[in-house]
Protein backbone atom coordinates (compact mmCIF):
# COMPACT_ATOMS: atom_id res chain seq x y z
CA UNK A 1 0.00 0.00 -0.02
CA UNK A 2 2.72 2.47 0.98
CA UNK A 3 4.90 1.48 -1.95
CA UNK A 4 2.09 2.19 -4.41
CA UNK A 5 1.58 5.62 -2.83
CA UNK A 6 5.32 6.45 -3.06
CA UNK A 7 5.42 5.19 -6.61
CA UNK A 8 2.46 7.43 -7.54
CA UNK A 9 4.18 10.44 -5.95
CA UNK A 10 7.38 9.78 -7.95
CA UNK A 11 5.43 9.28 -11.20
CA UNK A 12 3.50 12.50 -10.62
CA UNK A 13 6.75 14.44 -10.10
CA UNK A 14 8.22 13.07 -13.31
CA UNK A 15 4.99 13.74 -15.23
CA UNK A 16 4.89 17.31 -13.96
CA UNK A 17 8.46 17.89 -15.22
CA UNK A 18 7.46 16.46 -18.60
CA UNK A 19 4.36 18.67 -18.76
CA UNK A 20 6.44 21.76 -17.87
CA UNK A 21 8.97 20.86 -20.55
CA UNK A 22 6.28 20.32 -23.21
CA UNK A 23 4.57 23.61 -22.29
CA UNK A 24 7.88 25.41 -22.75
CA UNK A 25 8.47 23.58 -26.03
CA UNK A 26 5.05 24.64 -27.33
CA UNK A 27 5.87 28.30 -26.75
CA UNK A 28 9.19 28.18 -28.65
CA UNK A 29 9.68 29.60 -32.12
CA UNK A 30 11.62 27.63 -34.74
CA UNK A 31 14.59 29.96 -34.29
CA UNK A 32 14.59 29.30 -30.54
CA UNK A 33 14.35 25.56 -31.22
CA UNK A 34 17.43 25.77 -33.47
CA UNK A 35 19.31 27.67 -30.75
CA UNK A 36 18.26 25.14 -28.14
CA UNK A 37 19.47 22.25 -30.30
CA UNK A 38 22.85 24.01 -30.63
CA UNK A 39 23.08 23.96 -26.82
CA UNK A 40 22.45 20.20 -27.00
CA UNK A 41 25.37 19.97 -29.47
CA UNK A 42 23.26 19.58 -32.62
CA UNK A 43 24.03 21.67 -35.70
CA UNK A 44 20.49 22.59 -36.67
CA UNK A 45 21.24 25.21 -39.33
CA UNK A 46 20.80 22.81 -42.21
CA UNK A 47 17.90 20.81 -40.77
CA UNK A 48 14.39 21.27 -42.09
CA UNK A 49 11.81 22.86 -39.78
CA UNK A 50 10.15 19.47 -39.30
CA UNK A 51 13.46 17.84 -38.35
CA UNK A 52 14.27 20.63 -35.89
CA UNK A 53 10.99 20.17 -34.09
CA UNK A 54 11.24 16.36 -34.14
CA UNK A 55 14.82 16.39 -32.86
CA UNK A 56 14.05 18.76 -30.00
CA UNK A 57 10.93 16.83 -29.05
CA UNK A 58 13.10 13.69 -28.88
CA UNK A 59 15.49 15.43 -26.47
CA UNK A 60 12.59 16.68 -24.34
CA UNK A 61 11.08 13.17 -24.20
CA UNK A 62 14.42 11.56 -23.34
CA UNK A 63 15.45 14.00 -20.61
CA UNK A 64 12.96 16.77 -19.75
CA UNK A 65 15.04 17.87 -16.74
CA UNK A 66 18.05 18.55 -18.95
CA UNK A 67 15.88 20.54 -21.37
CA UNK A 68 14.53 22.64 -18.53
CA UNK A 69 18.03 23.18 -17.16
CA UNK A 70 19.68 24.00 -20.48
CA UNK A 71 16.94 26.18 -21.99
CA UNK A 72 14.01 27.15 -19.73
CA UNK A 73 15.78 27.82 -16.44
CA UNK A 74 19.03 29.09 -17.96
CA UNK A 75 19.34 32.87 -17.69
CA UNK A 76 22.48 32.77 -19.89
CA UNK A 77 21.03 30.77 -22.76
CA UNK A 78 21.62 33.51 -25.33
CA UNK A 79 25.29 33.89 -24.40
CA UNK A 80 25.65 30.08 -24.22
CA UNK A 81 24.27 29.92 -27.76
CA UNK A 82 26.74 32.58 -28.98
CA UNK A 83 29.61 30.68 -27.37
CA UNK A 84 28.54 27.31 -28.82
CA UNK A 85 28.03 28.80 -32.27
CA UNK A 86 31.41 30.53 -32.14
CA UNK A 87 33.11 27.33 -31.02
CA UNK A 88 31.50 25.37 -33.87
CA UNK A 89 32.71 27.98 -36.38
CA UNK A 90 36.18 28.15 -34.78
CA UNK A 91 35.80 31.80 -33.85
CA UNK A 92 36.30 30.98 -30.23
CA UNK A 93 38.80 28.21 -29.61
CA UNK A 94 39.02 25.93 -26.63
CA UNK A 95 42.16 24.27 -25.35
CA UNK A 96 41.29 22.04 -22.40
CA UNK A 97 39.38 24.47 -20.13
CA UNK A 98 40.82 27.68 -21.58
CA UNK A 99 38.78 29.65 -24.12
CA UNK A 100 40.43 31.96 -26.65
CA UNK A 101 39.16 34.68 -28.94
CA UNK A 102 41.99 35.34 -31.35
CA UNK A 103 45.05 35.27 -29.10
CA UNK A 104 43.24 36.64 -26.06
CA UNK A 105 42.19 34.36 -23.24
CA UNK A 106 38.53 35.08 -22.46
CA UNK A 107 38.07 32.54 -19.70
CA UNK A 108 39.02 29.34 -17.95
CA UNK A 109 35.82 27.37 -18.10
CA UNK A 110 32.41 28.13 -19.52
CA UNK A 111 31.27 30.13 -16.47
CA UNK A 112 34.29 32.45 -16.81
CA UNK A 113 33.53 33.02 -20.48
CA UNK A 114 29.89 33.79 -19.73
CA UNK A 115 30.88 36.27 -17.02
CA UNK A 116 33.48 37.82 -19.33
CA UNK A 117 31.01 38.30 -22.19
CA UNK A 118 28.24 39.59 -19.88
CA UNK A 119 30.58 42.27 -18.46
CA UNK A 120 29.65 45.70 -19.89
CA UNK A 121 33.28 46.60 -20.62
CA UNK A 122 33.59 43.52 -22.91
CA UNK A 123 30.51 44.23 -25.05
CA UNK A 124 32.69 45.14 -28.04
CA UNK A 125 34.21 41.62 -27.95
CA UNK A 126 30.75 40.04 -27.68
CA UNK A 127 29.59 42.10 -30.67
CA UNK A 128 32.68 41.13 -32.64
CA UNK A 129 32.07 37.43 -31.90
CA UNK A 130 28.38 37.75 -32.91
CA UNK A 131 29.21 39.54 -36.19
CA UNK A 132 31.88 36.95 -37.09
CA UNK A 133 29.50 34.04 -36.43
CA UNK A 134 26.86 35.64 -38.65
CA UNK A 135 29.32 36.26 -41.49
CA UNK A 136 30.64 32.64 -41.54
């Protein structure tokens, strides 16, 4: 009797996470879906709209907590996307934990890079990275 109750509580928690993830997914534009897939490590630029939606839905189904953590609850998702895009296009380089833009070190670890790019005095570097990623 008690085990069934505990099992129901666990299932309800998991189902609530899934519902929250699907609600967030429903509100996303295709552009946001492409950005989200980039944060999952998928190059979605060349995928059709249908494939983008199907791929992201697969990720949400597989691990709704990860989706919520990477996209919904992540206040730095835009900067994360810029970093991932720049890494993919070799604009930002990574050697072990050190991130480089040109010859300049912009951080040791992802959190350092995010803090560096969010800093007001480094906005020119962020803009340069964004413009280079759009031109490649």
